[in-house]
């Protein structure tokens, strides 16, 4: 009787441990897959708008020059707006 209870409890613990380890391994695999994908296929830019405010832009590597041109255009527009408002 005691051996049946111990075997059932041990089986339940083994099953729970298998589920926990399998779930953890699954999450780790998904995380590493996403990291590898972004490492080889995606890039990002971070633009500072004002003090302490930043904007993250994620783009494909093939479109990085387009994103840089957009950033330059935004800087020019911002500088013109500041001139019109009267700030230096």
PDB file of N, CA and C in Angstrom:
ATOM      1  N   UNK A   1       0.826  -1.188   0.000  1.00  0.00           N
ATOM      2  CA  UNK A   1       0.000   0.000   0.000  1.00  0.00           C
ATOM      3  C   UNK A   1       0.872   1.254   0.000  1.00  0.00           C
ATOM      4  N   UNK A   2       1.889   1.278   0.862  1.00  0.00           N
ATOM      5  CA  UNK A   2       2.775   2.436   0.933  1.00  0.00           C
ATOM      6  C   UNK A   2       3.548   2.579  -0.374  1.00  0.00           C
ATOM      7  N   UNK A   3       3.971   1.463  -0.960  1.00  0.00           N
ATOM      8  CA  UNK A   3       4.716   1.516  -2.214  1.00  0.00           C
ATOM      9  C   UNK A   3       3.836   2.025  -3.352  1.00  0.00           C
ATOM     10  N   UNK A   4       2.549   1.689  -3.348  1.00  0.00           N
ATOM     11  CA  UNK A   4       1.647   2.200  -4.379  1.00  0.00           C
ATOM     12  C   UNK A   4       1.488   3.712  -4.259  1.00  0.00           C
ATOM     13  N   UNK A   5       1.385   4.204  -3.024  1.00  0.00           N
ATOM     14  CA  UNK A   5       1.244   5.655  -2.816  1.00  0.00           C
ATOM     15  C   UNK A   5       2.526   6.365  -3.230  1.00  0.00           C
ATOM     16  N   UNK A   6       3.674   5.789  -2.869  1.00  0.00           N
ATOM     17  CA  UNK A   6       4.954   6.397  -3.226  1.00  0.00           C
ATOM     18  C   UNK A   6       5.152   6.397  -4.730  1.00  0.00           C
ATOM     19  N   UNK A   7       4.799   5.320  -5.391  1.00  0.00           N
ATOM     20  CA  UNK A   7       4.921   5.240  -6.843  1.00  0.00           C
ATOM     21  C   UNK A   7       4.006   6.234  -7.534  1.00  0.00           C
ATOM     22  N   UNK A   8       2.785   6.395  -7.046  1.00  0.00           N
ATOM     23  CA  UNK A   8       1.857   7.361  -7.629  1.00  0.00           C
ATOM     24  C   UNK A   8       2.338   8.787  -7.432  1.00  0.00           C
ATOM     25  N   UNK A   9       2.833   9.093  -6.240  1.00  0.00           N
ATOM     26  CA  UNK A   9       3.348  10.438  -5.954  1.00  0.00           C
ATOM     27  C   UNK A   9       4.597  10.718  -6.778  1.00  0.00           C
ATOM     28  N   UNK A  10       5.474   9.727  -6.859  1.00  0.00           N
ATOM     29  CA  UNK A  10       6.691   9.889  -7.648  1.00  0.00           C
ATOM     30  C   UNK A  10       6.359  10.068  -9.125  1.00  0.00           C
ATOM     31  N   UNK A  11       5.367   9.342  -9.615  1.00  0.00           N
ATOM     32  CA  UNK A  11       4.938   9.495 -11.005  1.00  0.00           C
ATOM     33  C   UNK A  11       4.357  10.876 -11.271  1.00  0.00           C
ATOM     34  N   UNK A  12       3.571  11.392 -10.313  1.00  0.00           N
ATOM     35  CA  UNK A  12       3.009  12.735 -10.468  1.00  0.00           C
ATOM     36  C   UNK A  12       4.107  13.788 -10.457  1.00  0.00           C
ATOM     37  N   UNK A  13       5.070  13.649  -9.557  1.00  0.00           N
ATOM     38  CA  UNK A  13       6.181  14.610  -9.502  1.00  0.00           C
ATOM     39  C   UNK A  13       7.000  14.575 -10.784  1.00  0.00           C
ATOM     40  N   UNK A  14       7.227  13.368 -11.299  1.00  0.00           N
ATOM     41  CA  UNK A  14       7.974  13.230 -12.553  1.00  0.00           C
ATOM     42  C   UNK A  14       7.210  13.870 -13.703  1.00  0.00           C
ATOM     43  N   UNK A  15       5.913  13.658 -13.739  1.00  0.00           N
ATOM     44  CA  UNK A  15       5.088  14.275 -14.785  1.00  0.00           C
ATOM     45  C   UNK A  15       5.093  15.792 -14.696  1.00  0.00           C
ATOM     46  N   UNK A  16       4.967  16.319 -13.484  1.00  0.00           N
ATOM     47  CA  UNK A  16       4.979  17.784 -13.310  1.00  0.00           C
ATOM     48  C   UNK A  16       6.332  18.361 -13.703  1.00  0.00           C
ATOM     49  N   UNK A  17       7.405  17.683 -13.316  1.00  0.00           N
ATOM     50  CA  UNK A  17       8.748  18.145 -13.667  1.00  0.00           C
ATOM     51  C   UNK A  17       8.947  18.124 -15.174  1.00  0.00           C
ATOM     52  N   UNK A  18       8.429  17.106 -15.827  1.00  0.00           N
ATOM     53  CA  UNK A  18       8.536  17.027 -17.288  1.00  0.00           C
ATOM     54  C   UNK A  18       7.786  18.162 -17.955  1.00  0.00           C
ATOM     55  N   UNK A  19       6.594  18.472 -17.471  1.00  0.00           N
ATOM     56  CA  UNK A  19       5.808  19.571 -18.039  1.00  0.00           C
ATOM     57  C   UNK A  19       6.511  20.904 -17.818  1.00  0.00           C
ATOM     58  N   UNK A  20       7.023  21.142 -16.619  1.00  0.00           N
ATOM     59  CA  UNK A  20       7.702  22.407 -16.318  1.00  0.00           C
ATOM     60  C   UNK A  20       8.961  22.566 -17.168  1.00  0.00           C
ATOM     61  N   UNK A  21       9.773  21.527 -17.233  1.00  0.00           N
ATOM     62  CA  UNK A  21      10.994  21.600 -18.039  1.00  0.00           C
ATOM     63  C   UNK A  21      10.683  21.729 -19.524  1.00  0.00           C
ATOM     64  N   UNK A  22       9.666  21.029 -19.994  1.00  0.00           N
ATOM     65  CA  UNK A  22       9.281  21.143 -21.407  1.00  0.00           C
ATOM     66  C   UNK A  22       8.781  22.533 -21.750  1.00  0.00           C
ATOM     67  N   UNK A  23       7.980  23.121 -20.867  1.00  0.00           N
ATOM     68  CA  UNK A  23       7.488  24.482 -21.091  1.00  0.00           C
ATOM     69  C   UNK A  23       8.643  25.484 -21.078  1.00  0.00           C
ATOM     70  N   UNK A  24       9.538  25.331 -20.118  1.00  0.00           N
ATOM     71  CA  UNK A  24      10.705  26.222 -20.051  1.00  0.00           C
ATOM     72  C   UNK A  24      11.579  26.095 -21.286  1.00  0.00           C
ATOM     73  N   UNK A  25      11.806  24.893 -21.734  1.00  0.00           N
ATOM     74  CA  UNK A  25      12.606  24.668 -22.936  1.00  0.00           C
ATOM     75  C   UNK A  25      11.911  25.239 -24.168  1.00  0.00           C
ATOM     76  N   UNK A  26      10.585  25.123 -24.223  1.00  0.00           N
ATOM     77  CA  UNK A  26       9.831  25.700 -25.336  1.00  0.00           C
ATOM     78  C   UNK A  26       9.948  27.210 -25.377  1.00  0.00           C
ATOM     79  N   UNK A  27       9.795  27.871 -24.210  1.00  0.00           N
ATOM     80  CA  UNK A  27       9.933  29.331 -24.155  1.00  0.00           C
ATOM     81  C   UNK A  27      11.347  29.768 -24.530  1.00  0.00           C
ATOM     82  N   UNK A  28      12.340  29.038 -24.058  1.00  0.00           N
ATOM     83  CA  UNK A  28      13.728  29.366 -24.390  1.00  0.00           C
ATOM     84  C   UNK A  28      13.977  29.224 -25.886  1.00  0.00           C
ATOM     85  N   UNK A  29      13.436  28.193 -26.493  1.00  0.00           N
ATOM     86  CA  UNK A  29      13.597  27.993 -27.934  1.00  0.00           C
ATOM     87  C   UNK A  29      12.947  29.122 -28.718  1.00  0.00           C
ATOM     88  N   UNK A  30      11.745  29.534 -28.328  1.00  0.00           N
ATOM     89  CA  UNK A  30      11.063  30.642 -29.005  1.00  0.00           C
ATOM     90  C   UNK A  30      11.871  31.929 -28.851  1.00  0.00           C
ATOM     91  N   UNK A  31      12.356  32.203 -27.647  1.00  0.00           N
ATOM     92  CA  UNK A  31      13.140  33.417 -27.402  1.00  0.00           C
ATOM     93  C   UNK A  31      14.415  33.437 -28.250  1.00  0.00           C
ATOM     94  N   UNK A  32      15.131  32.333 -28.275  1.00  0.00           N
ATOM     95  CA  UNK A  32      16.373  32.279 -29.050  1.00  0.00           C
ATOM     96  C   UNK A  32      16.107  32.364 -30.550  1.00  0.00           C
ATOM     97  N   UNK A  33      15.009  31.783 -31.012  1.00  0.00           N
ATOM     98  CA  UNK A  33      14.654  31.876 -32.427  1.00  0.00           C
ATOM     99  C   UNK A  33      14.371  33.320 -32.814  1.00  0.00           C
ATOM    100  N   UNK A  34      13.638  34.035 -31.986  1.00  0.00           N
ATOM    101  CA  UNK A  34      13.341  35.446 -32.260  1.00  0.00           C
ATOM    102  C   UNK A  34      14.622  36.271 -32.249  1.00  0.00           C
ATOM    103  N   UNK A  35      15.504  36.022 -31.290  1.00  0.00           N
ATOM    104  CA  UNK A  35      16.766  36.756 -31.222  1.00  0.00           C
ATOM    105  C   UNK A  35      17.614  36.511 -32.469  1.00  0.00           C
ATOM    106  N   UNK A  36      17.705  35.275 -32.904  1.00  0.00           N
ATOM    107  CA  UNK A  36      18.485  34.970 -34.102  1.00  0.00           C
ATOM    108  C   UNK A  36      17.871  35.605 -35.339  1.00  0.00           C
ATOM    109  N   UNK A  37      16.550  35.603 -35.450  1.00  0.00           N
ATOM    110  CA  UNK A  37      15.883  36.214 -36.593  1.00  0.00           C
ATOM    111  C   UNK A  37      16.191  37.709 -36.658  1.00  0.00           C
ATOM    112  N   UNK A  38      16.057  38.391 -35.524  1.00  0.00           N
ATOM    113  CA  UNK A  38      16.316  39.829 -35.520  1.00  0.00           C
ATOM    114  C   UNK A  38      17.800  40.142 -35.691  1.00  0.00           C
ATOM    115  N   UNK A  39      18.661  39.255 -35.266  1.00  0.00           N
ATOM    116  CA  UNK A  39      20.092  39.488 -35.435  1.00  0.00           C
ATOM    117  C   UNK A  39      20.485  39.476 -36.910  1.00  0.00           C
ATOM    118  N   UNK A  40      19.882  38.602 -37.695  1.00  0.00           N
ATOM    119  CA  UNK A  40      20.281  38.465 -39.091  1.00  0.00           C
ATOM    120  C   UNK A  40      19.359  39.185 -40.069  1.00  0.00           C
ATOM    121  N   UNK A  41      18.112  39.455 -39.724  1.00  0.00           N
ATOM    122  CA  UNK A  41      17.171  40.003 -40.689  1.00  0.00           C
ATOM    123  C   UNK A  41      16.668  41.401 -40.372  1.00  0.00           C
ATOM    124  N   UNK A  42      16.738  41.831 -39.162  1.00  0.00           N
ATOM    125  CA  UNK A  42      16.173  43.122 -38.798  1.00  0.00           C
ATOM    126  C   UNK A  42      17.244  44.017 -38.206  1.00  0.00           C
ATOM    127  N   UNK A  43      16.999  45.312 -38.317  1.00  0.00           N
ATOM    128  CA  UNK A  43      17.853  46.306 -37.685  1.00  0.00           C
ATOM    129  C   UNK A  43      16.953  47.309 -36.993  1.00  0.00           C
ATOM    130  N   UNK A  44      17.534  48.174 -36.254  1.00  0.00           N
ATOM    131  CA  UNK A  44      16.739  49.188 -35.583  1.00  0.00           C
ATOM    132  C   UNK A  44      17.487  50.499 -35.485  1.00  0.00           C
ATOM    133  N   UNK A  45      16.719  51.533 -35.320  1.00  0.00           N
ATOM    134  CA  UNK A  45      17.244  52.875 -35.088  1.00  0.00           C
ATOM    135  C   UNK A  45      16.594  53.414 -33.832  1.00  0.00           C
ATOM    136  N   UNK A  46      17.269  54.300 -33.162  1.00  0.00           N
ATOM    137  CA  UNK A  46      16.658  54.984 -32.037  1.00  0.00           C
ATOM    138  C   UNK A  46      16.872  56.468 -32.252  1.00  0.00           C
ATOM    139  N   UNK A  47      15.765  57.205 -32.311  1.00  0.00           N
ATOM    140  CA  UNK A  47      15.827  58.642 -32.525  1.00  0.00           C
ATOM    141  C   UNK A  47      15.488  59.350 -31.229  1.00  0.00           C
ATOM    142  N   UNK A  48      16.257  60.381 -30.902  1.00  0.00           N
ATOM    143  CA  UNK A  48      15.962  61.206 -29.746  1.00  0.00           C
ATOM    144  C   UNK A  48      15.170  62.411 -30.221  1.00  0.00           C
ATOM    145  N   UNK A  49      13.959  62.552 -29.724  1.00  0.00           N
ATOM    146  CA  UNK A  49      13.100  63.654 -30.134  1.00  0.00           C
ATOM    147  C   UNK A  49      13.374  64.883 -29.267  1.00  0.00           C
ATOM    148  N   UNK A  50      13.256  64.728 -27.983  1.00  0.00           N
ATOM    149  CA  UNK A  50      13.555  65.784 -27.012  1.00  0.00           C
ATOM    150  C   UNK A  50      14.316  65.162 -25.859  1.00  0.00           C
ATOM    151  N   UNK A  51      14.541  65.945 -24.823  1.00  0.00           N
ATOM    152  CA  UNK A  51      15.270  65.414 -23.673  1.00  0.00           C
ATOM    153  C   UNK A  51      14.509  64.235 -23.080  1.00  0.00           C
ATOM    154  N   UNK A  52      15.132  63.097 -23.112  1.00  0.00           N
ATOM    155  CA  UNK A  52      14.566  61.924 -22.472  1.00  0.00           C
ATOM    156  C   UNK A  52      13.512  61.179 -23.274  1.00  0.00           C
ATOM    157  N   UNK A  53      13.122  61.686 -24.429  1.00  0.00           N
ATOM    158  CA  UNK A  53      12.107  61.009 -25.234  1.00  0.00           C
ATOM    159  C   UNK A  53      12.809  60.380 -26.432  1.00  0.00           C
ATOM    160  N   UNK A  54      12.665  59.080 -26.567  1.00  0.00           N
ATOM    161  CA  UNK A  54      13.291  58.394 -27.688  1.00  0.00           C
ATOM    162  C   UNK A  54      12.236  57.575 -28.422  1.00  0.00           C
ATOM    163  N   UNK A  55      12.460  57.390 -29.703  1.00  0.00           N
ATOM    164  CA  UNK A  55      11.556  56.615 -30.546  1.00  0.00           C
ATOM    165  C   UNK A  55      12.371  55.480 -31.160  1.00  0.00           C
ATOM    166  N   UNK A  56      11.891  54.260 -31.003  1.00  0.00           N
ATOM    167  CA  UNK A  56      12.559  53.100 -31.580  1.00  0.00           C
ATOM    168  C   UNK A  56      11.909  52.786 -32.924  1.00  0.00           C
ATOM    169  N   UNK A  57      12.733  52.599 -33.942  1.00  0.00           N
ATOM    170  CA  UNK A  57      12.238  52.275 -35.278  1.00  0.00           C
ATOM    171  C   UNK A  57      12.925  50.982 -35.704  1.00  0.00           C
ATOM    172  N   UNK A  58      12.134  49.979 -36.039  1.00  0.00           N
ATOM    173  CA  UNK A  58      12.683  48.712 -36.505  1.00  0.00           C
ATOM    174  C   UNK A  58      12.418  48.589 -38.001  1.00  0.00           C
ATOM    175  N   UNK A  59      13.437  48.230 -38.741  1.00  0.00           N
ATOM    176  CA  UNK A  59      13.313  48.148 -40.188  1.00  0.00           C
ATOM    177  C   UNK A  59      14.183  47.019 -40.717  1.00  0.00           C
ATOM    178  N   UNK A  60      13.918  46.601 -41.933  1.00  0.00           N
ATOM    179  CA  UNK A  60      14.770  45.612 -42.584  1.00  0.00           C
ATOM    180  C   UNK A  60      16.109  46.247 -42.933  1.00  0.00           C
ATOM    181  N   UNK A  61      17.142  45.446 -42.984  1.00  0.00           N
ATOM    182  CA  UNK A  61      18.461  45.986 -43.350  1.00  0.00           C
ATOM    183  C   UNK A  61      18.446  46.587 -44.749  1.00  0.00           C
ATOM    184  N   UNK A  62      17.668  46.013 -45.640  1.00  0.00           N
ATOM    185  CA  UNK A  62      17.625  46.531 -47.013  1.00  0.00           C
ATOM    186  C   UNK A  62      16.957  47.896 -47.090  1.00  0.00           C
ATOM    187  N   UNK A  63      16.173  48.262 -46.076  1.00  0.00           N
ATOM    188  CA  UNK A  63      15.493  49.554 -46.073  1.00  0.00           C
ATOM    189  C   UNK A  63      16.107  50.542 -45.084  1.00  0.00           C
ATOM    190  N   UNK A  64      17.327  50.267 -44.635  1.00  0.00           N
ATOM    191  CA  UNK A  64      17.976  51.134 -43.654  1.00  0.00           C
ATOM    192  C   UNK A  64      18.279  52.508 -44.239  1.00  0.00           C
ATOM    193  N   UNK A  65      18.672  52.586 -45.509  1.00  0.00           N
ATOM    194  CA  UNK A  65      18.965  53.897 -46.102  1.00  0.00           C
ATOM    195  C   UNK A  65      17.691  54.731 -46.192  1.00  0.00           C
ATOM    196  N   UNK A  66      16.560  54.106 -46.460  1.00  0.00           N
ATOM    197  CA  UNK A  66      15.288  54.832 -46.493  1.00  0.00           C
ATOM    198  C   UNK A  66      14.943  55.381 -45.105  1.00  0.00           C
ATOM    199  N   UNK A  67      15.201  54.596 -44.073  1.00  0.00           N
ATOM    200  CA  UNK A  67      14.939  55.057 -42.708  1.00  0.00           C
ATOM    201  C   UNK A  67      15.879  56.199 -42.336  1.00  0.00           C
ATOM    202  N   UNK A  68      17.136  56.142 -42.766  1.00  0.00           N
ATOM    203  CA  UNK A  68      18.064  57.242 -42.500  1.00  0.00           C
ATOM    204  C   UNK A  68      17.634  58.516 -43.207  1.00  0.00           C
ATOM    205  N   UNK A  69      17.163  58.386 -44.450  1.00  0.00           N
ATOM    206  CA  UNK A  69      16.666  59.562 -45.166  1.00  0.00           C
ATOM    207  C   UNK A  69      15.456  60.164 -44.454  1.00  0.00           C
ATOM    208  N   UNK A  70      14.572  59.331 -43.950  1.00  0.00           N
ATOM    209  CA  UNK A  70      13.423  59.811 -43.196  1.00  0.00           C
ATOM    210  C   UNK A  70      13.872  60.565 -41.959  1.00  0.00           C
ATOM    211  N   UNK A  71      14.877  60.036 -41.264  1.00  0.00           N
ATOM    212  CA  UNK A  71      15.389  60.704 -40.065  1.00  0.00           C
ATOM    213  C   UNK A  71      15.986  62.065 -40.408  1.00  0.00           C
ATOM    214  N   UNK A  72      16.757  62.134 -41.486  1.00  0.00           N
ATOM    215  CA  UNK A  72      17.341  63.424 -41.894  1.00  0.00           C
ATOM    216  C   UNK A  72      16.250  64.435 -42.231  1.00  0.00           C
ATOM    217  N   UNK A  73      15.206  63.978 -42.928  1.00  0.00           N
ATOM    218  CA  UNK A  73      14.111  64.867 -43.287  1.00  0.00           C
ATOM    219  C   UNK A  73      13.385  65.352 -42.025  1.00  0.00           C
ATOM    220  N   UNK A  74      13.191  64.465 -41.064  1.00  0.00           N
ATOM    221  CA  UNK A  74      12.542  64.869 -39.817  1.00  0.00           C
ATOM    222  C   UNK A  74      13.385  65.885 -39.052  1.00  0.00           C
ATOM    223  N   UNK A  75      14.699  65.729 -39.073  1.00  0.00           N
ATOM    224  CA  UNK A  75      15.575  66.700 -38.408  1.00  0.00           C
ATOM    225  C   UNK A  75      15.468  68.073 -39.065  1.00  0.00           C
ATOM    226  N   UNK A  76      15.409  68.097 -40.391  1.00  0.00           N
ATOM    227  CA  UNK A  76      15.273  69.373 -41.096  1.00  0.00           C
ATOM    228  C   UNK A  76      13.936  70.035 -40.777  1.00  0.00           C
ATOM    229  N   UNK A  77      12.885  69.259 -40.775  1.00  0.00           N
ATOM    230  CA  UNK A  77      11.561  69.809 -40.460  1.00  0.00           C
ATOM    231  C   UNK A  77      11.535  70.329 -39.024  1.00  0.00           C
ATOM    232  N   UNK A  78      12.134  69.596 -38.099  1.00  0.00           N
ATOM    233  CA  UNK A  78      12.174  70.032 -36.701  1.00  0.00           C
ATOM    234  C   UNK A  78      12.955  71.330 -36.567  1.00  0.00           C
ATOM    235  N   UNK A  79      14.104  71.432 -37.249  1.00  0.00           N
ATOM    236  CA  UNK A  79      14.903  72.653 -37.177  1.00  0.00           C
ATOM    237  C   UNK A  79      14.142  73.848 -37.746  1.00  0.00           C
ATOM    238  N   UNK A  80      13.439  73.645 -38.839  1.00  0.00           N
ATOM    239  CA  UNK A  80      12.631  74.728 -39.417  1.00  0.00           C
ATOM    240  C   UNK A  80      11.512  75.153 -38.467  1.00  0.00           C
ATOM    241  N   UNK A  81      10.883  74.182 -37.840  1.00  0.00           N
ATOM    242  CA  UNK A  81       9.814  74.503 -36.893  1.00  0.00           C
ATOM    243  C   UNK A  81      10.349  75.286 -35.710  1.00  0.00           C
ATOM    244  N   UNK A  82      11.520  74.892 -35.217  1.00  0.00           N
ATOM    245  CA  UNK A  82      12.119  75.624 -34.099  1.00  0.00           C
ATOM    246  C   UNK A  82      12.500  77.051 -34.498  1.00  0.00           C
ATOM    247  N   UNK A  83      12.956  77.248 -35.732  1.00  0.00           N
ATOM    248  CA  UNK A  83      13.275  78.592 -36.204  1.00  0.00           C
ATOM    249  C   UNK A  83      12.012  79.447 -36.258  1.00  0.00           C
ATOM    250  N   UNK A  84      10.904  78.862 -36.733  1.00  0.00           N
ATOM    251  CA  UNK A  84       9.655  79.602 -36.845  1.00  0.00           C
ATOM    252  C   UNK A  84       9.073  79.940 -35.464  1.00  0.00           C
ATOM    253  N   UNK A  85       9.276  79.074 -34.494  1.00  0.00           N
ATOM    254  CA  UNK A  85       8.770  79.321 -33.145  1.00  0.00           C
ATOM    255  C   UNK A  85       9.642  80.354 -32.436  1.00  0.00           C
ATOM    256  N   UNK A  86      10.902  80.391 -32.784  1.00  0.00           N
ATOM    257  CA  UNK A  86      11.806  81.383 -32.182  1.00  0.00           C
ATOM    258  C   UNK A  86      12.829  80.802 -31.245  1.00  0.00           C
ATOM    259  N   UNK A  87      12.931  79.512 -31.173  1.00  0.00           N
ATOM    260  CA  UNK A  87      13.966  78.886 -30.355  1.00  0.00           C
ATOM    261  C   UNK A  87      15.225  78.719 -31.180  1.00  0.00           C
ATOM    262  N   UNK A  88      16.358  78.682 -30.493  1.00  0.00           N
ATOM    263  CA  UNK A  88      17.620  78.515 -31.231  1.00  0.00           C
ATOM    264  C   UNK A  88      17.956  77.087 -31.470  1.00  0.00           C
TER     265      UNK A  88
END
